[in-house]
Every structure is written in structure tokens, then in C-alpha cells.
Amino acid sequence: MRSDRDLSDRSSDRFVRSDALGRPESSFNNDPFHLSADQSTARATERAYRSLVTNEPNASSTPLVKVYSHEQLAAQYDDVSNEGEISIEGTIYVQAMGPSSTPFCIVLRDLLGQIDRIEERVDVCCDITDRVSSRGLHSSDRILRISLNSSPASPFRETIVLKYFCIPTLRPVPLLVKSRVQQSREHTRVGFKIRANPSNQFPLYQIMIIMAVPPNMDGESVRLSRPGGVWDEMKRTIAWSIKYLQPGEALEIQAQFSSMDGNGQRSGSFPILVRTEYPRLFSAVEVVNEYWDAVTPAIQLETACAGRLLHRKV
């Protein structure tokens, strides 16, 4: 495959610097190149979580609890709307480092009021904020009583305790995707540019780029400006895997296709889906250890967090 000339739009990139988020959007489950299935997210979350924990009980008399917070940001943009549709969904995982049936409490802190609603897993999580004294806590804090009922056979099992959904005005933009299509009678050329927001605090990593190819384009004839693209004939997609993008770093790819009918018929669209991981949450939500009583004793709390971005350009 030989390189084609640069087709990307070099006009200035503009990021929305708001730390807010758009109305919930429908998932991409009907798309042939969809990568955001719940099982995929769960597997990735489990791998990240297991890398943070050890399967040894704590020697201290105070129980050790590990909490992992994961957020998924789904964004969809088209050539007509500059605002796009954005939604953020968070999941809280809890792991008690030892066999115990004693309930304990954690505090879900949302100082900026970014949570719209919460869905608790009722068999393990109970919101007791309105039933106990919250003296010394912030007005937005939610006190959650957790009952894991772990056993000696599986004392270190991590458990989802709740999901939360962020408000429609929370619209972070960690990634910008721009694309351009040029067509002649014999060929169609597609150029796209992916850029990490310069205001990101950390690199984006484990980046997967998937471009869907219209039915009237000959995928076998594709010529790419960047090596590593993999053509999937059954799904009619081309995929690239990128290790990371530093804040402000950009990546440009061009592709040229031959028309299957050869009559210059206008090609369809080339939707692009980018999936990437981020080592922080997209919101300011956090889990803290600032409440206990006679029924729910004090705990040691270790926390970790990460995010996943699903960015679709149609």
C-alpha cells in the first residue's frame, strides 16, 4: 500500500473546554463495527481492576476495602451539528479484602452536582443518607451501606454496587475527529484527523480506530497512508490500533478506494468510531471514607479510577 497525499482539513481545531456533558444518547448496538458492548467494558474494567489489587488480606484489624470507579463517555458527532450527543455513565466496583458479612459504608461525593441519577444494586447497596446523621459531610454526599456477604471460598470478589448517570450539561471533549471525502469517477479518497485535547491531563491510550466502508467501495483495493490498517471483509471495516496520544498530539490517516461499479456513483458515508482508555474519570465524582457508626465500623479505603471514550463521527 502506498501513501496518498494529505486529504485532511488543516483548519484550526476547536475544543469545547466545558467540563460538562450532553443528553444521554442511544447506544451503537446496531452498528456492524460497534465495540462498546457491556461485556467488553466489563472485561476491560476487570483487567484494570485486578491490576490494582492484591489477593492478600490486610494484617490490620481495620478491614481493607478497595473501590474502583469507571466512567464511559459516549459521543456522537455529524457534519451538521457541532454540538454532538454526549452521555457519561459511571460504575462503582467494590472489593473487600477478606471474608466478612459485616456491612460497611462508603460516601459518594459529587461536589459539582454532576450526577443526574443513581441506580443502586439493591442486594448489596443501600442509600442511608436520609436515615443517619450526616454531620460533617457535604450536602451532596450520599452515604451508601455496602453488604457484600463474601465467603471464605471467594473472599476477594469485586462487585458492582451501583451505576450513575451524569447530567446533560456535562460535556467534556477529550478527543476531536475531523474527516473529509473527495471523489472522482475512478476513486474515492477519505482523510481523517484525530487529535487529543491539549487540555487533557494525561495521554489517551489503547486507541482503536474503526472506519466503516460503504458497499459500493472495493475494500480490497484500499491504499493507506499509514501502515497497520486491517481490512475486515465480513464487517466491511478497516481498523487501526494506536498505543497512545499525548495531550495535543494529532494523527492523520488517508485512504483511497476504487469504486466497485466504476460508474462514478456517489459513495456512501465513512463513519468512524474511536475507542480509547483514559486514566481518570471524566467527571469530578469521587468515593471517600468519611462515615462510620456502631453498625458499620471504620474501614481502610483504597480507590482507583479510569475512563473509556467511545467517539463516533458519522
Protein backbone atom coordinates (compact mmCIF):
# COMPACT_ATOMS: atom_id res chain seq x y z
CA MET A 1 0.00 0.00 0.00
CA ARG A 2 1.44 3.35 -0.95
CA SER A 3 0.80 6.70 0.69
CA ASP A 4 -1.59 9.26 -0.83
CA ARG A 5 -1.37 12.97 -0.44
CA ASP A 6 -2.77 14.64 2.65
CA LEU A 7 -6.55 14.99 2.39
CA SER A 8 -7.24 16.13 5.95
CA ASP A 9 -8.70 19.53 6.76
CA ARG A 10 -5.92 21.63 8.27
CA SER A 11 -8.21 24.34 9.56
CA SER A 12 -7.81 25.19 13.23
CA ASP A 13 -9.18 22.65 15.70
CA ARG A 14 -11.66 23.88 18.24
CA PHE A 15 -12.37 22.16 21.53
CA VAL A 16 -15.24 22.77 23.91
CA ARG A 17 -13.45 23.45 27.19
CA SER A 18 -16.54 22.95 29.31
CA ASP A 19 -16.37 20.20 31.92
CA ALA A 20 -19.94 19.24 31.27
CA LEU A 21 -21.89 16.56 29.37
CA GLY A 22 -24.72 16.15 26.86
CA ARG A 23 -28.05 14.39 26.88
CA PRO A 24 -27.94 10.58 27.00
CA GLU A 25 -27.75 9.05 23.55
CA SER A 26 -28.76 5.69 22.22
CA SER A 27 -26.01 3.10 22.05
CA PHE A 28 -24.38 1.97 18.81
CA ASN A 29 -25.54 -1.63 19.20
CA ASN A 30 -26.96 -1.80 15.67
CA ASP A 31 -23.69 -0.82 14.02
CA PRO A 32 -21.59 -3.59 12.41
CA PHE A 33 -18.41 -2.01 13.79
CA HIS A 34 -19.69 -1.45 17.34
CA LEU A 35 -17.12 -2.09 20.11
CA SER A 36 -18.93 -0.85 23.22
CA ALA A 37 -20.82 -3.93 24.38
CA ASP A 38 -21.26 -4.24 28.12
CA GLN A 39 -19.26 -7.48 28.19
CA SER A 40 -16.29 -5.78 26.53
CA THR A 41 -16.41 -2.95 29.05
CA ALA A 42 -16.73 -5.38 31.93
CA ARG A 43 -13.74 -7.42 30.77
CA ALA A 44 -11.57 -4.33 30.36
CA THR A 45 -12.69 -3.00 33.72
CA GLU A 46 -11.94 -6.31 35.40
CA ARG A 47 -8.43 -6.40 33.90
CA ALA A 48 -7.72 -2.85 35.03
CA TYR A 49 -9.16 -3.52 38.45
CA ARG A 50 -7.22 -6.71 39.01
CA SER A 51 -4.00 -4.88 38.19
CA LEU A 52 -4.67 -2.59 41.14
CA VAL A 53 -5.39 -5.15 43.83
CA THR A 54 -3.64 -7.98 45.61
CA ASN A 55 -5.33 -11.11 46.89
CA GLU A 56 -3.87 -10.93 50.36
CA PRO A 57 -5.93 -9.95 53.42
CA ASN A 58 -4.78 -6.88 55.33
CA ALA A 59 -2.91 -7.56 58.54
CA SER A 60 -4.50 -4.63 60.34
CA SER A 61 -7.61 -5.10 62.47
CA THR A 62 -9.33 -2.44 60.36
CA PRO A 63 -10.86 -4.04 57.25
CA LEU A 64 -9.39 -3.02 53.89
CA VAL A 65 -11.83 -2.14 51.11
CA LYS A 66 -10.81 -1.32 47.54
CA VAL A 67 -13.07 0.74 45.28
CA TYR A 68 -12.71 1.11 41.53
CA SER A 69 -14.67 3.82 39.67
CA HIS A 70 -15.09 3.54 35.91
CA GLU A 71 -16.81 6.01 33.56
CA GLN A 72 -17.76 5.53 29.92
CA LEU A 73 -18.22 8.62 27.76
CA ALA A 74 -20.20 8.04 24.54
CA ALA A 75 -20.06 10.88 21.99
CA GLN A 76 -21.61 11.10 18.54
CA TYR A 77 -20.97 13.89 16.02
CA ASP A 78 -22.03 14.55 12.43
CA ASP A 79 -21.20 17.13 9.76
CA VAL A 80 -24.35 19.14 10.51
CA SER A 81 -24.28 19.52 14.29
CA ASN A 82 -21.19 20.86 16.04
CA GLU A 83 -22.59 20.14 19.49
CA GLY A 84 -22.97 16.39 19.18
CA GLU A 85 -24.68 14.00 21.57
CA ILE A 86 -22.74 13.08 24.71
CA SER A 87 -23.52 10.87 27.70
CA ILE A 88 -21.46 9.66 30.66
CA GLU A 89 -22.24 6.55 32.67
CA GLY A 90 -20.28 5.60 35.78
CA THR A 91 -19.90 2.25 37.55
CA ILE A 92 -18.61 1.66 41.10
CA TYR A 93 -16.88 -1.65 41.88
CA VAL A 94 -16.11 -2.67 45.48
CA GLN A 95 -13.80 -5.38 46.79
CA ALA A 96 -13.43 -6.31 50.47
CA MET A 97 -10.00 -7.81 51.14
CA GLY A 98 -11.12 -10.61 53.42
CA PRO A 99 -14.14 -12.83 54.21
CA SER A 100 -16.76 -10.78 56.04
CA SER A 101 -20.52 -10.33 56.21
CA THR A 102 -20.30 -7.09 58.24
CA PRO A 103 -21.75 -4.10 56.35
CA PHE A 104 -19.58 -1.03 55.87
CA CYS A 105 -20.18 2.45 54.47
CA ILE A 106 -18.64 4.49 51.69
CA VAL A 107 -19.51 8.05 50.69
CA LEU A 108 -20.27 9.01 47.09
CA ARG A 109 -19.14 12.64 46.76
CA ASP A 110 -20.46 14.90 43.99
CA LEU A 111 -19.39 18.43 44.93
CA LEU A 112 -20.17 19.88 41.48
CA GLY A 113 -23.61 18.30 41.21
CA GLN A 114 -22.73 16.31 38.08
CA ILE A 115 -24.80 13.19 38.85
CA ASP A 116 -28.29 13.15 37.36
CA ARG A 117 -29.48 9.82 38.79
CA ILE A 118 -28.18 6.73 40.57
CA GLU A 119 -29.14 3.08 40.15
CA GLU A 120 -28.13 1.03 43.19
CA ARG A 121 -27.76 -2.70 43.18
CA VAL A 122 -30.31 -3.28 45.91
CA ASP A 123 -28.96 -6.62 47.12
CA VAL A 124 -25.58 -5.13 48.08
CA CYS A 125 -26.01 -1.33 48.24
CA CYS A 126 -28.42 0.83 50.24
CA ASP A 127 -28.52 4.64 50.34
CA ILE A 128 -28.95 5.53 54.03
CA THR A 129 -28.27 9.27 53.72
CA ASP A 130 -31.75 10.29 54.88
CA ARG A 131 -31.73 7.88 57.85
CA VAL A 132 -28.50 8.84 59.59
CA SER A 133 -26.72 11.95 60.75
CA SER A 134 -24.54 13.40 58.01
CA ARG A 135 -22.89 15.96 60.24
CA GLY A 136 -19.50 16.97 58.90
CA LEU A 137 -20.29 15.80 55.35
CA HIS A 138 -21.12 17.88 52.30
CA SER A 139 -24.77 18.44 51.43
CA SER A 140 -24.43 16.48 48.17
CA ASP A 141 -22.74 13.45 49.77
CA ARG A 142 -24.57 10.12 49.57
CA ILE A 143 -23.89 7.61 52.36
CA LEU A 144 -24.00 4.07 50.98
CA ARG A 145 -24.16 0.96 53.17
CA ILE A 146 -22.48 -1.98 51.42
CA SER A 147 -23.19 -5.63 52.30
CA LEU A 148 -21.04 -7.94 50.18
CA ASN A 149 -21.65 -11.22 52.05
CA SER A 150 -18.33 -12.64 50.91
CA SER A 151 -17.40 -16.19 51.82
CA PRO A 152 -14.13 -17.96 52.68
CA ALA A 153 -14.34 -19.65 49.27
CA SER A 154 -14.35 -16.29 47.40
CA PRO A 155 -13.29 -13.58 49.87
CA PHE A 156 -11.82 -11.16 47.34
CA ARG A 157 -14.56 -10.98 44.71
CA GLU A 158 -15.12 -7.50 43.25
CA THR A 159 -18.76 -6.49 42.94
CA ILE A 160 -20.67 -3.79 41.08
CA VAL A 161 -22.59 -1.83 43.72
CA LEU A 162 -24.12 0.99 41.67
CA LYS A 163 -24.27 2.87 38.40
CA TYR A 164 -24.71 6.62 37.99
CA PHE A 165 -25.62 8.79 35.03
CA CYS A 166 -24.29 12.32 34.66
CA ILE A 167 -26.25 15.49 33.91
CA PRO A 168 -26.86 16.58 30.27
CA THR A 169 -24.72 19.71 30.69
CA LEU A 170 -21.53 17.78 31.45
CA ARG A 171 -19.77 17.80 28.07
CA PRO A 172 -16.02 17.09 28.19
CA VAL A 173 -14.28 16.74 24.81
CA PRO A 174 -11.08 14.70 25.29
CA LEU A 175 -10.82 13.90 21.56
CA LEU A 176 -11.60 15.65 18.26
CA VAL A 177 -12.22 13.78 15.00
CA LYS A 178 -12.44 15.54 11.61
CA SER A 179 -12.96 13.82 8.26
CA ARG A 180 -13.14 14.74 4.58
CA VAL A 181 -14.16 12.81 1.45
CA GLN A 182 -13.06 13.56 -2.14
CA GLN A 183 -14.49 11.62 -5.06
CA SER A 184 -13.60 11.17 -8.74
CA ARG A 185 -15.01 8.81 -11.33
CA GLU A 186 -12.50 6.06 -10.55
CA HIS A 187 -11.57 6.63 -6.91
CA THR A 188 -12.81 7.90 -3.57
CA ARG A 189 -10.34 9.38 -1.10
CA VAL A 190 -11.01 9.70 2.61
CA GLY A 191 -8.84 11.67 5.03
CA PHE A 192 -9.39 11.97 8.74
CA LYS A 193 -7.55 13.60 11.62
CA ILE A 194 -7.72 12.60 15.28
CA ARG A 195 -6.39 14.97 17.92
CA ALA A 196 -6.21 14.66 21.71
CA ASN A 197 -7.45 17.74 23.54
CA PRO A 198 -4.42 19.82 24.66
CA SER A 199 -6.15 20.38 28.00
CA ASN A 200 -6.16 16.63 28.79
CA GLN A 201 -4.16 15.96 31.95
CA PHE A 202 -2.97 12.54 30.77
CA PRO A 203 -2.43 10.67 27.48
CA LEU A 204 -5.19 8.69 25.82
CA TYR A 205 -4.08 5.07 25.44
CA GLN A 206 -5.12 1.73 23.89
CA ILE A 207 -6.73 3.58 20.98
CA MET A 208 -8.76 1.59 18.46
CA ILE A 209 -9.91 3.34 15.25
CA ILE A 210 -12.56 1.70 13.07
CA MET A 211 -13.80 3.08 9.75
CA ALA A 212 -16.84 1.55 8.04
CA VAL A 213 -16.63 1.22 4.23
CA PRO A 214 -19.75 1.68 2.03
CA PRO A 215 -20.96 -1.34 -0.01
CA ASN A 216 -20.06 0.20 -3.39
CA MET A 217 -16.38 0.64 -2.43
CA ASP A 218 -13.80 -2.09 -3.11
CA GLY A 219 -12.19 -2.64 0.28
CA GLU A 220 -9.54 -4.95 -1.16
CA SER A 221 -8.24 -2.10 -3.33
CA VAL A 222 -7.65 0.30 -0.45
CA ARG A 223 -4.34 2.18 -0.30
CA LEU A 224 -3.42 3.66 3.08
CA SER A 225 -1.06 6.43 4.13
CA ARG A 226 -0.38 4.73 7.46
CA PRO A 227 0.65 1.08 7.85
CA GLY A 228 -1.14 -1.23 10.23
CA GLY A 229 -4.70 -0.87 8.94
CA VAL A 230 -6.58 -4.21 8.87
CA TRP A 231 -9.41 -4.78 6.37
CA ASP A 232 -12.29 -6.99 7.60
CA GLU A 233 -14.28 -8.17 4.59
CA MET A 234 -17.23 -9.54 6.59
CA LYS A 235 -17.72 -6.37 8.64
CA ARG A 236 -16.53 -4.08 5.82
CA THR A 237 -14.32 -2.12 8.18
CA ILE A 238 -10.70 -1.01 8.39
CA ALA A 239 -9.19 -0.92 11.88
CA TRP A 240 -6.03 0.63 13.33
CA SER A 241 -4.56 0.13 16.79
CA ILE A 242 -2.60 3.03 18.33
CA LYS A 243 -0.74 2.82 21.64
CA TYR A 244 -1.36 6.36 22.88
CA LEU A 245 -1.85 10.05 22.06
CA GLN A 246 -0.26 12.70 24.26
CA PRO A 247 -2.33 15.85 25.08
CA GLY A 248 -2.48 17.96 21.91
CA GLU A 249 -0.98 15.22 19.73
CA ALA A 250 -2.63 14.60 16.35
CA LEU A 251 -2.82 11.62 13.99
CA GLU A 252 -3.73 11.81 10.28
CA ILE A 253 -4.71 8.91 8.02
CA GLN A 254 -5.69 8.89 4.34
CA ALA A 255 -7.33 6.04 2.43
CA GLN A 256 -8.12 5.63 -1.29
CA PHE A 257 -10.72 3.18 -2.63
CA SER A 258 -11.73 2.04 -6.11
CA SER A 259 -15.42 2.01 -6.92
CA MET A 260 -16.90 -1.47 -7.40
CA ASP A 261 -19.31 -0.31 -10.14
CA GLY A 262 -16.86 2.03 -11.88
CA ASN A 263 -19.56 4.49 -12.95
CA GLY A 264 -18.67 7.28 -10.56
CA GLN A 265 -21.74 6.75 -8.41
CA ARG A 266 -21.55 8.81 -5.26
CA SER A 267 -20.16 6.80 -2.35
CA GLY A 268 -21.93 6.49 0.95
CA SER A 269 -20.58 7.82 4.23
CA PHE A 270 -17.47 6.53 6.02
CA PRO A 271 -18.45 6.52 9.73
CA ILE A 272 -15.51 6.47 12.13
CA LEU A 273 -15.55 5.03 15.64
CA VAL A 274 -12.69 5.69 18.06
CA ARG A 275 -12.42 3.77 21.32
CA THR A 276 -9.77 4.79 23.83
CA GLU A 277 -8.94 4.50 27.51
CA TYR A 278 -8.16 7.36 29.89
CA PRO A 279 -6.56 7.01 33.35
CA ARG A 280 -9.04 9.33 35.10
CA LEU A 281 -12.78 9.95 35.32
CA PHE A 282 -14.46 12.48 33.05
CA SER A 283 -16.47 13.88 35.97
CA ALA A 284 -15.42 15.14 39.41
CA VAL A 285 -17.30 12.35 41.22
CA GLU A 286 -15.29 10.51 43.88
CA VAL A 287 -15.65 7.88 46.61
CA VAL A 288 -14.39 8.77 50.10
CA ASN A 289 -14.22 7.17 53.53
CA GLU A 290 -15.76 9.69 55.91
CA TYR A 291 -18.62 7.90 57.66
CA TRP A 292 -18.95 5.03 60.12
CA ASP A 293 -21.07 4.20 63.17
CA ALA A 294 -21.69 1.38 65.64
CA VAL A 295 -23.40 -0.75 62.99
CA THR A 296 -20.94 -0.02 60.18
CA PRO A 297 -17.38 0.09 61.56
CA ALA A 298 -14.47 2.09 60.19
CA ILE A 299 -12.60 0.74 57.17
CA GLN A 300 -9.38 1.37 55.31
CA LEU A 301 -10.24 2.58 51.81
CA GLU A 302 -8.11 2.38 48.67
CA THR A 303 -9.50 3.91 45.48
CA ALA A 304 -8.63 3.84 41.79
CA CYS A 305 -10.41 5.13 38.70
CA ALA A 306 -10.33 5.12 34.89
CA GLY A 307 -12.44 6.14 31.92
CA ARG A 308 -13.30 4.90 28.45
CA LEU A 309 -14.23 7.08 25.48
CA LEU A 310 -16.40 5.94 22.56
CA HIS A 311 -16.30 8.71 19.95
CA ARG A 312 -18.33 8.29 16.77
CA LYS A 313 -18.14 10.57 13.72
CA VAL A 314 -20.83 9.96 11.08
